[in-house]
Full PDB file with SEQRES, HELIX, SHEET, SSBOND, CRYST1, ORIGX, SCALE, CONECT and MASTER records, all heavy atoms in Angstrom:
SEQRES   1 A   44  LYS GLN ILE ARG HIS LEU LEU GLY ALA GLY LEU SER SER          
SEQRES   2 A   44  GLU ASP ILE ALA TYR LEU LEU PRO CYS ALA VAL GLY GLU          
SEQRES   3 A   44  ALA PRO GLU LEU LEU GLY CYS PRO GLU LEU LEU ALA ALA          
SEQRES   4 A   44  MET ARG THR ARG LEU                                          
HELIX    1 AA1 GLN A    2  GLY A    8  1                                   7    
HELIX    2 AA2 SER A   13  LEU A   19  1                                   7    
HELIX    3 AA3 LEU A   20  CYS A   22  5                                   3    
HELIX    4 AA4 PRO A   34  ARG A   43  1                                  10    
SHEET    1 AA1 2 ALA A  23  VAL A  24  0                                        
SHEET    2 AA1 2 GLU A  29  LEU A  30 -1                                        
CRYST1    1.000    1.000    1.000  90.00  90.00  90.00 P 1           1          
ORIGX1      1.000000  0.000000  0.000000        0.00000                         
ORIGX2      0.000000  1.000000  0.000000        0.00000                         
ORIGX3      0.000000  0.000000  1.000000        0.00000                         
SCALE1      1.000000  0.000000  0.000000        0.00000                         
SCALE2      0.000000  1.000000  0.000000        0.00000                         
SCALE3      0.000000  0.000000  1.000000        0.00000                         
ATOM      1  N   LYS A   1     -57.834 -62.859 -25.248  1.00  0.00           N  
ATOM      2  CA  LYS A   1     -57.086 -61.638 -24.922  1.00  0.00           C  
ATOM      3  C   LYS A   1     -56.152 -61.874 -23.740  1.00  0.00           C  
ATOM      4  O   LYS A   1     -55.011 -61.400 -23.735  1.00  0.00           O  
ATOM      5  CB  LYS A   1     -58.043 -60.486 -24.647  1.00  0.00           C  
ATOM      6  CG  LYS A   1     -58.743 -60.022 -25.913  1.00  0.00           C  
ATOM      7  CD  LYS A   1     -59.720 -58.905 -25.652  1.00  0.00           C  
ATOM      8  CE  LYS A   1     -60.386 -58.488 -26.965  1.00  0.00           C  
ATOM      9  NZ  LYS A   1     -61.351 -57.406 -26.771  1.00  0.00           N  
ATOM     10  N   GLN A   2     -56.605 -62.625 -22.755  1.00  0.00           N  
ATOM     11  CA  GLN A   2     -55.747 -62.966 -21.623  1.00  0.00           C  
ATOM     12  C   GLN A   2     -54.552 -63.792 -22.093  1.00  0.00           C  
ATOM     13  O   GLN A   2     -53.405 -63.524 -21.702  1.00  0.00           O  
ATOM     14  CB  GLN A   2     -56.538 -63.760 -20.575  1.00  0.00           C  
ATOM     15  CG  GLN A   2     -57.580 -62.959 -19.845  1.00  0.00           C  
ATOM     16  CD  GLN A   2     -58.457 -63.825 -18.958  1.00  0.00           C  
ATOM     17  OE1 GLN A   2     -58.631 -65.017 -19.207  1.00  0.00           O  
ATOM     18  NE2 GLN A   2     -59.019 -63.218 -17.914  1.00  0.00           N  
ATOM     19  N   ILE A   3     -54.820 -64.774 -22.927  1.00  0.00           N  
ATOM     20  CA  ILE A   3     -53.747 -65.628 -23.456  1.00  0.00           C  
ATOM     21  C   ILE A   3     -52.713 -64.783 -24.184  1.00  0.00           C  
ATOM     22  O   ILE A   3     -51.495 -64.941 -23.987  1.00  0.00           O  
ATOM     23  CB  ILE A   3     -54.323 -66.726 -24.376  1.00  0.00           C  
ATOM     24  CG1 ILE A   3     -55.167 -67.715 -23.561  1.00  0.00           C  
ATOM     25  CG2 ILE A   3     -53.208 -67.446 -25.134  1.00  0.00           C  
ATOM     26  CD1 ILE A   3     -56.032 -68.636 -24.419  1.00  0.00           C  
ATOM     27  N   ARG A   4     -53.160 -63.873 -25.018  1.00  0.00           N  
ATOM     28  CA  ARG A   4     -52.240 -63.032 -25.796  1.00  0.00           C  
ATOM     29  C   ARG A   4     -51.374 -62.163 -24.886  1.00  0.00           C  
ATOM     30  O   ARG A   4     -50.184 -62.002 -25.113  1.00  0.00           O  
ATOM     31  CB  ARG A   4     -53.014 -62.159 -26.791  1.00  0.00           C  
ATOM     32  CG  ARG A   4     -53.815 -62.935 -27.817  1.00  0.00           C  
ATOM     33  CD  ARG A   4     -52.989 -63.845 -28.655  1.00  0.00           C  
ATOM     34  NE  ARG A   4     -52.166 -63.071 -29.563  1.00  0.00           N  
ATOM     35  CZ  ARG A   4     -51.259 -63.565 -30.378  1.00  0.00           C  
ATOM     36  NH1 ARG A   4     -51.042 -64.854 -30.416  1.00  0.00           N  
ATOM     37  NH2 ARG A   4     -50.562 -62.797 -31.163  1.00  0.00           N  
ATOM     38  N   HIS A   5     -51.984 -61.600 -23.847  1.00  0.00           N  
ATOM     39  CA  HIS A   5     -51.209 -60.787 -22.901  1.00  0.00           C  
ATOM     40  C   HIS A   5     -50.160 -61.634 -22.192  1.00  0.00           C  
ATOM     41  O   HIS A   5     -49.009 -61.205 -22.025  1.00  0.00           O  
ATOM     42  CB  HIS A   5     -52.133 -60.131 -21.873  1.00  0.00           C  
ATOM     43  CG  HIS A   5     -52.852 -58.915 -22.370  1.00  0.00           C  
ATOM     44  ND1 HIS A   5     -52.239 -57.693 -22.503  1.00  0.00           N  
ATOM     45  CD2 HIS A   5     -54.133 -58.742 -22.765  1.00  0.00           C  
ATOM     46  CE1 HIS A   5     -53.110 -56.807 -22.966  1.00  0.00           C  
ATOM     47  NE2 HIS A   5     -54.272 -57.428 -23.137  1.00  0.00           N  
ATOM     48  N   LEU A   6     -50.540 -62.815 -21.767  1.00  0.00           N  
ATOM     49  CA  LEU A   6     -49.604 -63.674 -21.049  1.00  0.00           C  
ATOM     50  C   LEU A   6     -48.492 -64.189 -21.966  1.00  0.00           C  
ATOM     51  O   LEU A   6     -47.335 -64.283 -21.551  1.00  0.00           O  
ATOM     52  CB  LEU A   6     -50.353 -64.826 -20.379  1.00  0.00           C  
ATOM     53  CG  LEU A   6     -51.303 -64.383 -19.251  1.00  0.00           C  
ATOM     54  CD1 LEU A   6     -52.206 -65.531 -18.824  1.00  0.00           C  
ATOM     55  CD2 LEU A   6     -50.532 -63.821 -18.068  1.00  0.00           C  
ATOM     56  N   LEU A   7     -48.833 -64.492 -23.214  1.00  0.00           N  
ATOM     57  CA  LEU A   7     -47.793 -64.864 -24.182  1.00  0.00           C  
ATOM     58  C   LEU A   7     -46.829 -63.705 -24.387  1.00  0.00           C  
ATOM     59  O   LEU A   7     -45.616 -63.904 -24.493  1.00  0.00           O  
ATOM     60  CB  LEU A   7     -48.413 -65.279 -25.522  1.00  0.00           C  
ATOM     61  CG  LEU A   7     -49.074 -66.640 -25.572  1.00  0.00           C  
ATOM     62  CD1 LEU A   7     -49.867 -66.798 -26.872  1.00  0.00           C  
ATOM     63  CD2 LEU A   7     -48.067 -67.758 -25.428  1.00  0.00           C  
ATOM     64  N   GLY A   8     -47.364 -62.495 -24.430  1.00  0.00           N  
ATOM     65  CA  GLY A   8     -46.542 -61.296 -24.589  1.00  0.00           C  
ATOM     66  C   GLY A   8     -45.578 -61.088 -23.424  1.00  0.00           C  
ATOM     67  O   GLY A   8     -44.552 -60.424 -23.573  1.00  0.00           O  
ATOM     68  N   ALA A   9     -45.915 -61.659 -22.264  1.00  0.00           N  
ATOM     69  CA  ALA A   9     -45.032 -61.570 -21.102  1.00  0.00           C  
ATOM     70  C   ALA A   9     -43.961 -62.650 -21.131  1.00  0.00           C  
ATOM     71  O   ALA A   9     -43.162 -62.770 -20.200  1.00  0.00           O  
ATOM     72  CB  ALA A   9     -45.860 -61.684 -19.816  1.00  0.00           C  
ATOM     73  N   GLY A  10     -43.950 -63.465 -22.191  1.00  0.00           N  
ATOM     74  CA  GLY A  10     -42.924 -64.484 -22.327  1.00  0.00           C  
ATOM     75  C   GLY A  10     -43.271 -65.809 -21.679  1.00  0.00           C  
ATOM     76  O   GLY A  10     -42.411 -66.675 -21.559  1.00  0.00           O  
ATOM     77  N   LEU A  11     -44.529 -65.971 -21.276  1.00  0.00           N  
ATOM     78  CA  LEU A  11     -44.928 -67.229 -20.656  1.00  0.00           C  
ATOM     79  C   LEU A  11     -45.202 -68.274 -21.722  1.00  0.00           C  
ATOM     80  O   LEU A  11     -45.682 -67.952 -22.813  1.00  0.00           O  
ATOM     81  CB  LEU A  11     -46.168 -67.014 -19.792  1.00  0.00           C  
ATOM     82  CG  LEU A  11     -45.975 -66.071 -18.603  1.00  0.00           C  
ATOM     83  CD1 LEU A  11     -47.302 -65.705 -17.979  1.00  0.00           C  
ATOM     84  CD2 LEU A  11     -45.063 -66.711 -17.568  1.00  0.00           C  
ATOM     85  N   SER A  12     -44.918 -69.509 -21.418  1.00  0.00           N  
ATOM     86  CA  SER A  12     -45.190 -70.607 -22.351  1.00  0.00           C  
ATOM     87  C   SER A  12     -46.663 -70.988 -22.246  1.00  0.00           C  
ATOM     88  O   SER A  12     -47.351 -70.639 -21.278  1.00  0.00           O  
ATOM     89  CB  SER A  12     -44.319 -71.818 -22.003  1.00  0.00           C  
ATOM     90  OG  SER A  12     -44.742 -72.379 -20.772  1.00  0.00           O  
ATOM     91  N   SER A  13     -47.149 -71.745 -23.215  1.00  0.00           N  
ATOM     92  CA  SER A  13     -48.539 -72.196 -23.162  1.00  0.00           C  
ATOM     93  C   SER A  13     -48.759 -73.093 -21.945  1.00  0.00           C  
ATOM     94  O   SER A  13     -49.830 -73.078 -21.334  1.00  0.00           O  
ATOM     95  CB  SER A  13     -48.936 -72.900 -24.455  1.00  0.00           C  
ATOM     96  OG  SER A  13     -48.102 -74.004 -24.701  1.00  0.00           O  
ATOM     97  N   GLU A  14     -47.742 -73.833 -21.554  1.00  0.00           N  
ATOM     98  CA  GLU A  14     -47.844 -74.665 -20.348  1.00  0.00           C  
ATOM     99  C   GLU A  14     -48.000 -73.790 -19.104  1.00  0.00           C  
ATOM    100  O   GLU A  14     -48.823 -74.062 -18.236  1.00  0.00           O  
ATOM    101  CB  GLU A  14     -46.609 -75.560 -20.226  1.00  0.00           C  
ATOM    102  CG  GLU A  14     -46.663 -76.526 -19.067  1.00  0.00           C  
ATOM    103  CD  GLU A  14     -45.420 -77.405 -18.998  1.00  0.00           C  
ATOM    104  OE1 GLU A  14     -44.727 -77.582 -20.008  1.00  0.00           O  
ATOM    105  OE2 GLU A  14     -45.150 -77.905 -17.901  1.00  0.00           O  
ATOM    106  N   ASP A  15     -47.198 -72.721 -19.020  1.00  0.00           N  
ATOM    107  CA  ASP A  15     -47.320 -71.780 -17.906  1.00  0.00           C  
ATOM    108  C   ASP A  15     -48.710 -71.158 -17.885  1.00  0.00           C  
ATOM    109  O   ASP A  15     -49.340 -71.034 -16.842  1.00  0.00           O  
ATOM    110  CB  ASP A  15     -46.286 -70.651 -18.018  1.00  0.00           C  
ATOM    111  CG  ASP A  15     -44.848 -71.108 -17.853  1.00  0.00           C  
ATOM    112  OD1 ASP A  15     -44.615 -72.134 -17.184  1.00  0.00           O  
ATOM    113  OD2 ASP A  15     -43.954 -70.425 -18.405  1.00  0.00           O  
ATOM    114  N   ILE A  16     -49.167 -70.759 -19.062  1.00  0.00           N  
ATOM    115  CA  ILE A  16     -50.455 -70.076 -19.161  1.00  0.00           C  
ATOM    116  C   ILE A  16     -51.594 -71.002 -18.743  1.00  0.00           C  
ATOM    117  O   ILE A  16     -52.522 -70.574 -18.046  1.00  0.00           O  
ATOM    118  CB  ILE A  16     -50.667 -69.517 -20.581  1.00  0.00           C  
ATOM    119  CG1 ILE A  16     -49.647 -68.398 -20.838  1.00  0.00           C  
ATOM    120  CG2 ILE A  16     -52.095 -68.994 -20.760  1.00  0.00           C  
ATOM    121  CD1 ILE A  16     -49.572 -67.932 -22.267  1.00  0.00           C  
ATOM    122  N   ALA A  17     -51.534 -72.259 -19.140  1.00  0.00           N  
ATOM    123  CA  ALA A  17     -52.575 -73.205 -18.732  1.00  0.00           C  
ATOM    124  C   ALA A  17     -52.668 -73.269 -17.215  1.00  0.00           C  
ATOM    125  O   ALA A  17     -53.756 -73.382 -16.657  1.00  0.00           O  
ATOM    126  CB  ALA A  17     -52.290 -74.582 -19.318  1.00  0.00           C  
ATOM    127  N   TYR A  18     -51.541 -73.167 -16.577  1.00  0.00           N  
ATOM    128  CA  TYR A  18     -51.491 -73.208 -15.124  1.00  0.00           C  
ATOM    129  C   TYR A  18     -52.035 -71.911 -14.511  1.00  0.00           C  
ATOM    130  O   TYR A  18     -52.692 -71.929 -13.475  1.00  0.00           O  
ATOM    131  CB  TYR A  18     -50.041 -73.448 -14.697  1.00  0.00           C  
ATOM    132  CG  TYR A  18     -49.845 -73.631 -13.219  1.00  0.00           C  
ATOM    133  CD1 TYR A  18     -50.216 -74.806 -12.588  1.00  0.00           C  
ATOM    134  CD2 TYR A  18     -49.267 -72.622 -12.460  1.00  0.00           C  
ATOM    135  CE1 TYR A  18     -50.023 -74.985 -11.227  1.00  0.00           C  
ATOM    136  CE2 TYR A  18     -49.064 -72.785 -11.098  1.00  0.00           C  
ATOM    137  CZ  TYR A  18     -49.444 -73.967 -10.487  1.00  0.00           C  
ATOM    138  OH  TYR A  18     -49.261 -74.128  -9.146  1.00  0.00           O  
ATOM    139  N   LEU A  19     -51.759 -70.775 -15.180  1.00  0.00           N  
ATOM    140  CA  LEU A  19     -52.114 -69.462 -14.637  1.00  0.00           C  
ATOM    141  C   LEU A  19     -53.548 -69.030 -14.923  1.00  0.00           C  
ATOM    142  O   LEU A  19     -54.120 -68.251 -14.159  1.00  0.00           O  
ATOM    143  CB  LEU A  19     -51.173 -68.392 -15.203  1.00  0.00           C  
ATOM    144  CG  LEU A  19     -49.684 -68.556 -14.959  1.00  0.00           C  
ATOM    145  CD1 LEU A  19     -48.914 -67.461 -15.669  1.00  0.00           C  
ATOM    146  CD2 LEU A  19     -49.370 -68.554 -13.481  1.00  0.00           C  
ATOM    147  N   LEU A  20     -54.130 -69.478 -16.021  1.00  0.00           N  
ATOM    148  CA  LEU A  20     -55.438 -68.975 -16.441  1.00  0.00           C  
ATOM    149  C   LEU A  20     -56.537 -69.071 -15.391  1.00  0.00           C  
ATOM    150  O   LEU A  20     -57.350 -68.148 -15.295  1.00  0.00           O  
ATOM    151  CB  LEU A  20     -55.884 -69.646 -17.745  1.00  0.00           C  
ATOM    152  CG  LEU A  20     -55.340 -68.996 -19.010  1.00  0.00           C  
ATOM    153  CD1 LEU A  20     -55.773 -69.793 -20.235  1.00  0.00           C  
ATOM    154  CD2 LEU A  20     -55.759 -67.553 -19.141  1.00  0.00           C  
ATOM    155  N   PRO A  21     -56.595 -70.114 -14.594  1.00  0.00           N  
ATOM    156  CA  PRO A  21     -57.647 -70.137 -13.573  1.00  0.00           C  
ATOM    157  C   PRO A  21     -57.546 -68.980 -12.572  1.00  0.00           C  
ATOM    158  O   PRO A  21     -58.529 -68.626 -11.942  1.00  0.00           O  
ATOM    159  CB  PRO A  21     -57.442 -71.485 -12.875  1.00  0.00           C  
ATOM    160  CG  PRO A  21     -56.774 -72.331 -13.897  1.00  0.00           C  
ATOM    161  CD  PRO A  21     -55.891 -71.395 -14.660  1.00  0.00           C  
ATOM    162  N   CYS A  22     -56.374 -68.370 -12.468  1.00  0.00           N  
ATOM    163  CA  CYS A  22     -56.170 -67.251 -11.547  1.00  0.00           C  
ATOM    164  C   CYS A  22     -56.281 -65.894 -12.242  1.00  0.00           C  
ATOM    165  O   CYS A  22     -56.040 -64.866 -11.629  1.00  0.00           O  
ATOM    166  CB  CYS A  22     -54.789 -67.362 -10.902  1.00  0.00           C  
ATOM    167  SG  CYS A  22     -54.543 -68.872  -9.949  1.00  0.00           S  
ATOM    168  N   ALA A  23     -56.620 -65.874 -13.526  1.00  0.00           N  
ATOM    169  CA  ALA A  23     -56.656 -64.639 -14.306  1.00  0.00           C  
ATOM    170  C   ALA A  23     -58.024 -63.971 -14.200  1.00  0.00           C  
ATOM    171  O   ALA A  23     -59.053 -64.614 -14.342  1.00  0.00           O  
ATOM    172  CB  ALA A  23     -56.335 -64.935 -15.766  1.00  0.00           C  
ATOM    173  N   VAL A  24     -57.976 -62.653 -13.984  1.00  0.00           N  
ATOM    174  CA  VAL A  24     -59.191 -61.856 -13.917  1.00  0.00           C  
ATOM    175  C   VAL A  24     -58.995 -60.637 -14.808  1.00  0.00           C  
ATOM    176  O   VAL A  24     -57.993 -59.934 -14.698  1.00  0.00           O  
ATOM    177  CB  VAL A  24     -59.465 -61.396 -12.459  1.00  0.00           C  
ATOM    178  CG1 VAL A  24     -60.683 -60.505 -12.394  1.00  0.00           C  
ATOM    179  CG2 VAL A  24     -59.602 -62.595 -11.536  1.00  0.00           C  
ATOM    180  N   GLY A  25     -59.928 -60.393 -15.711  1.00  0.00           N  
ATOM    181  CA  GLY A  25     -59.856 -59.220 -16.578  1.00  0.00           C  
ATOM    182  C   GLY A  25     -58.987 -59.446 -17.798  1.00  0.00           C  
ATOM    183  O   GLY A  25     -58.305 -60.458 -17.934  1.00  0.00           O  
ATOM    184  N   GLU A  26     -59.032 -58.458 -18.716  1.00  0.00           N  
ATOM    185  CA  GLU A  26     -58.339 -58.595 -19.994  1.00  0.00           C  
ATOM    186  C   GLU A  26     -56.834 -58.523 -19.858  1.00  0.00           C  
ATOM    187  O   GLU A  26     -56.108 -59.209 -20.565  1.00  0.00           O  
ATOM    188  CB  GLU A  26     -58.821 -57.510 -20.958  1.00  0.00           C  
ATOM    189  CG  GLU A  26     -58.224 -57.610 -22.336  1.00  0.00           C  
ATOM    190  CD  GLU A  26     -58.760 -56.556 -23.284  1.00  0.00           C  
ATOM    191  OE1 GLU A  26     -59.954 -56.229 -23.206  1.00  0.00           O  
ATOM    192  OE2 GLU A  26     -57.970 -56.073 -24.101  1.00  0.00           O  
ATOM    193  N   ALA A  27     -56.303 -57.704 -18.953  1.00  0.00           N  
ATOM    194  CA  ALA A  27     -54.865 -57.418 -18.902  1.00  0.00           C  
ATOM    195  C   ALA A  27     -53.960 -58.625 -18.701  1.00  0.00           C  
ATOM    196  O   ALA A  27     -52.890 -58.627 -19.257  1.00  0.00           O  
ATOM    197  CB  ALA A  27     -54.558 -56.347 -17.880  1.00  0.00           C  
ATOM    198  N   PRO A  28     -54.197 -59.681 -18.058  1.00  0.00           N  
ATOM    199  CA  PRO A  28     -55.133 -59.909 -16.960  1.00  0.00           C  
ATOM    200  C   PRO A  28     -54.466 -59.619 -15.626  1.00  0.00           C  
ATOM    201  O   PRO A  28     -53.249 -59.549 -15.518  1.00  0.00           O  
ATOM    202  CB  PRO A  28     -55.457 -61.386 -17.087  1.00  0.00           C  
ATOM    203  CG  PRO A  28     -54.207 -61.994 -17.581  1.00  0.00           C  
ATOM    204  CD  PRO A  28     -53.594 -60.942 -18.484  1.00  0.00           C  
ATOM    205  N   GLU A  29     -55.278 -59.467 -14.610  1.00  0.00           N  
ATOM    206  CA  GLU A  29     -54.776 -59.384 -13.243  1.00  0.00           C  
ATOM    207  C   GLU A  29     -54.730 -60.815 -12.722  1.00  0.00           C  
ATOM    208  O   GLU A  29     -55.666 -61.589 -12.938  1.00  0.00           O  
ATOM    209  CB  GLU A  29     -55.725 -58.547 -12.396  1.00  0.00           C  
ATOM    210  CG  GLU A  29     -55.249 -58.323 -10.995  1.00  0.00           C  
ATOM    211  CD  GLU A  29     -56.188 -57.408 -10.217  1.00  0.00           C  
ATOM    212  OE1 GLU A  29     -56.824 -56.543 -10.825  1.00  0.00           O  
ATOM    213  OE2 GLU A  29     -56.274 -57.596  -8.998  1.00  0.00           O  
ATOM    214  N   LEU A  30     -53.647 -61.176 -12.093  1.00  0.00           N  
ATOM    215  CA  LEU A  30     -53.485 -62.542 -11.596  1.00  0.00           C  
ATOM    216  C   LEU A  30     -53.580 -62.547 -10.079  1.00  0.00           C  
ATOM    217  O   LEU A  30     -52.945 -61.736  -9.410  1.00  0.00           O  
ATOM    218  CB  LEU A  30     -52.142 -63.127 -12.037  1.00  0.00           C  
ATOM    219  CG  LEU A  30     -51.946 -63.219 -13.551  1.00  0.00           C  
ATOM    220  CD1 LEU A  30     -50.518 -63.633 -13.868  1.00  0.00           C  
ATOM    221  CD2 LEU A  30     -52.929 -64.185 -14.158  1.00  0.00           C  
ATOM    222  N   LEU A  31     -54.384 -63.436  -9.560  1.00  0.00           N  
ATOM    223  CA  LEU A  31     -54.504 -63.586  -8.119  1.00  0.00           C  
ATOM    224  C   LEU A  31     -53.199 -64.155  -7.588  1.00  0.00           C  
ATOM    225  O   LEU A  31     -52.610 -65.052  -8.194  1.00  0.00           O  
ATOM    226  CB  LEU A  31     -55.674 -64.506  -7.778  1.00  0.00           C  
ATOM    227  CG  LEU A  31     -57.026 -64.081  -8.376  1.00  0.00           C  
ATOM    228  CD1 LEU A  31     -58.090 -65.121  -8.072  1.00  0.00           C  
ATOM    229  CD2 LEU A  31     -57.439 -62.713  -7.859  1.00  0.00           C  
ATOM    230  N   GLY A  32     -52.734 -63.660  -6.463  1.00  0.00           N  
ATOM    231  CA  GLY A  32     -51.395 -64.001  -5.973  1.00  0.00           C  
ATOM    232  C   GLY A  32     -51.300 -65.231  -5.111  1.00  0.00           C  
ATOM    233  O   GLY A  32     -50.724 -65.167  -4.033  1.00  0.00           O  
ATOM    234  N   CYS A  33     -51.809 -66.347  -5.566  1.00  0.00           N  
ATOM    235  CA  CYS A  33     -51.665 -67.573  -4.783  1.00  0.00           C  
ATOM    236  C   CYS A  33     -50.207 -68.048  -4.851  1.00  0.00           C  
ATOM    237  O   CYS A  33     -49.505 -67.781  -5.819  1.00  0.00           O  
ATOM    238  CB  CYS A  33     -52.631 -68.645  -5.264  1.00  0.00           C  
ATOM    239  SG  CYS A  33     -52.463 -69.080  -6.990  1.00  0.00           S  
ATOM    240  N   PRO A  34     -49.739 -68.747  -3.821  1.00  0.00           N  
ATOM    241  CA  PRO A  34     -48.317 -69.151  -3.768  1.00  0.00           C  
ATOM    242  C   PRO A  34     -47.862 -69.964  -4.974  1.00  0.00           C  
ATOM    243  O   PRO A  34     -46.751 -69.766  -5.476  1.00  0.00           O  
ATOM    244  CB  PRO A  34     -48.233 -69.989  -2.487  1.00  0.00           C  
ATOM    245  CG  PRO A  34     -49.369 -69.534  -1.647  1.00  0.00           C  
ATOM    246  CD  PRO A  34     -50.457 -69.132  -2.603  1.00  0.00           C  
ATOM    247  N   GLU A  35     -48.701 -70.882  -5.472  1.00  0.00           N  
ATOM    248  CA  GLU A  35     -48.305 -71.700  -6.621  1.00  0.00           C  
ATOM    249  C   GLU A  35     -48.106 -70.836  -7.870  1.00  0.00           C  
ATOM    250  O   GLU A  35     -47.184 -71.053  -8.643  1.00  0.00           O  
ATOM    251  CB  GLU A  35     -49.364 -72.774  -6.910  1.00  0.00           C  
ATOM    252  CG  GLU A  35     -49.563 -73.763  -5.786  1.00  0.00           C  
ATOM    253  CD  GLU A  35     -50.586 -73.279  -4.745  1.00  0.00           C  
ATOM    254  OE1 GLU A  35     -51.197 -72.204  -4.928  1.00  0.00           O  
ATOM    255  OE2 GLU A  35     -50.751 -73.981  -3.739  1.00  0.00           O  
ATOM    256  N   LEU A  36     -48.983 -69.855  -8.034  1.00  0.00           N  
ATOM    257  CA  LEU A  36     -48.895 -68.951  -9.174  1.00  0.00           C  
ATOM    258  C   LEU A  36     -47.610 -68.135  -9.112  1.00  0.00           C  
ATOM    259  O   LEU A  36     -46.885 -68.009 -10.096  1.00  0.00           O  
ATOM    260  CB  LEU A  36     -50.119 -68.037  -9.194  1.00  0.00           C  
ATOM    261  CG  LEU A  36     -50.115 -66.918 -10.219  1.00  0.00           C  
ATOM    262  CD1 LEU A  36     -50.283 -67.506 -11.607  1.00  0.00           C  
ATOM    263  CD2 LEU A  36     -51.232 -65.947  -9.930  1.00  0.00           C  
ATOM    264  N   LEU A  37     -47.332 -67.580  -7.950  1.00  0.00           N  
ATOM    265  CA  LEU A  37     -46.119 -66.778  -7.796  1.00  0.00           C  
ATOM    266  C   LEU A  37     -44.868 -67.615  -8.041  1.00  0.00           C  
ATOM    267  O   LEU A  37     -43.923 -67.159  -8.684  1.00  0.00           O  
ATOM    268  CB  LEU A  37     -46.086 -66.144  -6.408  1.00  0.00           C  
ATOM    269  CG  LEU A  37     -47.124 -65.053  -6.179  1.00  0.00           C  
ATOM    270  CD1 LEU A  37     -47.173 -64.664  -4.709  1.00  0.00           C  
ATOM    271  CD2 LEU A  37     -46.839 -63.852  -7.049  1.00  0.00           C  
ATOM    272  N   ALA A  38     -44.864 -68.845  -7.565  1.00  0.00           N  
ATOM    273  CA  ALA A  38     -43.712 -69.719  -7.782  1.00  0.00           C  
ATOM    274  C   ALA A  38     -43.512 -69.991  -9.273  1.00  0.00           C  
ATOM    275  O   ALA A  38     -42.382 -69.955  -9.774  1.00  0.00           O  
ATOM    276  CB  ALA A  38     -43.901 -71.031  -7.022  1.00  0.00           C  
ATOM    277  N   ALA A  39     -44.596 -70.225 -10.004  1.00  0.00           N  
ATOM    278  CA  ALA A  39     -44.501 -70.484 -11.444  1.00  0.00           C  
ATOM    279  C   ALA A  39     -43.970 -69.259 -12.180  1.00  0.00           C  
ATOM    280  O   ALA A  39     -43.109 -69.374 -13.067  1.00  0.00           O  
ATOM    281  CB  ALA A  39     -45.863 -70.882 -11.995  1.00  0.00           C  
ATOM    282  N   MET A  40     -44.448 -68.072 -11.811  1.00  0.00           N  
ATOM    283  CA  MET A  40     -43.985 -66.854 -12.484  1.00  0.00           C  
ATOM    284  C   MET A  40     -42.532 -66.551 -12.138  1.00  0.00           C  
ATOM    285  O   MET A  40     -41.774 -66.120 -13.001  1.00  0.00           O  
ATOM    286  CB  MET A  40     -44.901 -65.679 -12.140  1.00  0.00           C  
ATOM    287  CG  MET A  40     -46.265 -65.786 -12.796  1.00  0.00           C  
ATOM    288  SD  MET A  40     -47.279 -64.299 -12.679  1.00  0.00           S  
ATOM    289  CE  MET A  40     -47.509 -64.133 -10.933  1.00  0.00           C  
ATOM    290  N   ARG A  41     -42.139 -66.807 -10.910  1.00  0.00           N  
ATOM    291  CA  ARG A  41     -40.734 -66.588 -10.532  1.00  0.00           C  
ATOM    292  C   ARG A  41     -39.809 -67.552 -11.267  1.00  0.00           C  
ATOM    293  O   ARG A  41     -38.708 -67.181 -11.678  1.00  0.00           O  
ATOM    294  CB  ARG A  41     -40.568 -66.724  -9.023  1.00  0.00           C  
ATOM    295  CG  ARG A  41     -41.114 -65.534  -8.270  1.00  0.00           C  
ATOM    296  CD  ARG A  41     -40.827 -65.620  -6.780  1.00  0.00           C  
ATOM    297  NE  ARG A  41     -41.357 -64.450  -6.117  1.00  0.00           N  
ATOM    298  CZ  ARG A  41     -42.315 -64.482  -5.192  1.00  0.00           C  
ATOM    299  NH1 ARG A  41     -42.834 -65.635  -4.802  1.00  0.00           N  
ATOM    300  NH2 ARG A  41     -42.740 -63.375  -4.640  1.00  0.00           N  
ATOM    301  N   THR A  42     -40.266 -68.783 -11.448  1.00  0.00           N  
ATOM    302  CA  THR A  42     -39.472 -69.762 -12.201  1.00  0.00           C  
ATOM    303  C   THR A  42     -39.292 -69.295 -13.641  1.00  0.00           C  
ATOM    304  O   THR A  42     -38.196 -69.355 -14.200  1.00  0.00           O  
ATOM    305  CB  THR A  42     -40.158 -71.136 -12.159  1.00  0.00           C  
ATOM    306  OG1 THR A  42     -40.213 -71.578 -10.808  1.00  0.00           O  
ATOM    307  CG2 THR A  42     -39.398 -72.159 -13.001  1.00  0.00           C  
ATOM    308  N   ARG A  43     -40.366 -68.820 -14.253  1.00  0.00           N  
ATOM    309  CA  ARG A  43     -40.287 -68.321 -15.638  1.00  0.00           C  
ATOM    310  C   ARG A  43     -39.370 -67.108 -15.716  1.00  0.00           C  
ATOM    311  O   ARG A  43     -38.572 -66.982 -16.645  1.00  0.00           O  
ATOM    312  CB  ARG A  43     -41.690 -67.983 -16.150  1.00  0.00           C  
ATOM    313  CG  ARG A  43     -41.708 -67.453 -17.556  1.00  0.00           C  
ATOM    314  CD  ARG A  43     -41.150 -68.459 -18.543  1.00  0.00           C  
ATOM    315  NE  ARG A  43     -41.200 -67.925 -19.882  1.00  0.00           N  
ATOM    316  CZ  ARG A  43     -40.311 -68.191 -20.812  1.00  0.00           C  
ATOM    317  NH1 ARG A  43     -39.339 -69.032 -20.582  1.00  0.00           N  
ATOM    318  NH2 ARG A  43     -40.406 -67.655 -21.999  1.00  0.00           N  
ATOM    319  N   LEU A  44     -39.462 -66.219 -14.749  1.00  0.00           N  
ATOM    320  CA  LEU A  44     -38.595 -65.042 -14.731  1.00  0.00           C  
ATOM    321  C   LEU A  44     -37.129 -65.456 -14.643  1.00  0.00           C  
ATOM    322  O   LEU A  44     -36.276 -64.896 -15.335  1.00  0.00           O  
ATOM    323  CB  LEU A  44     -38.965 -64.126 -13.558  1.00  0.00           C  
ATOM    324  CG  LEU A  44     -38.129 -62.857 -13.406  1.00  0.00           C  
ATOM    325  CD1 LEU A  44     -38.229 -61.977 -14.649  1.00  0.00           C  
ATOM    326  CD2 LEU A  44     -38.564 -62.100 -12.165  1.00  0.00           C  
TER     327      LEU A  44                                                      
MASTER        0    0    0    4    2    0    0    6  326    1    0    4          
END                                                                             
């Protein structure tokens, strides 16, 4: 369910592999570590 939500946000499977360790809950909520934020900003 987390993977599906993140794919729906336009993230690649490579991005998701990087983000999943920071995912909490189904939606998921992502912990705001600097590396995570940098990856999401790059994708944006």
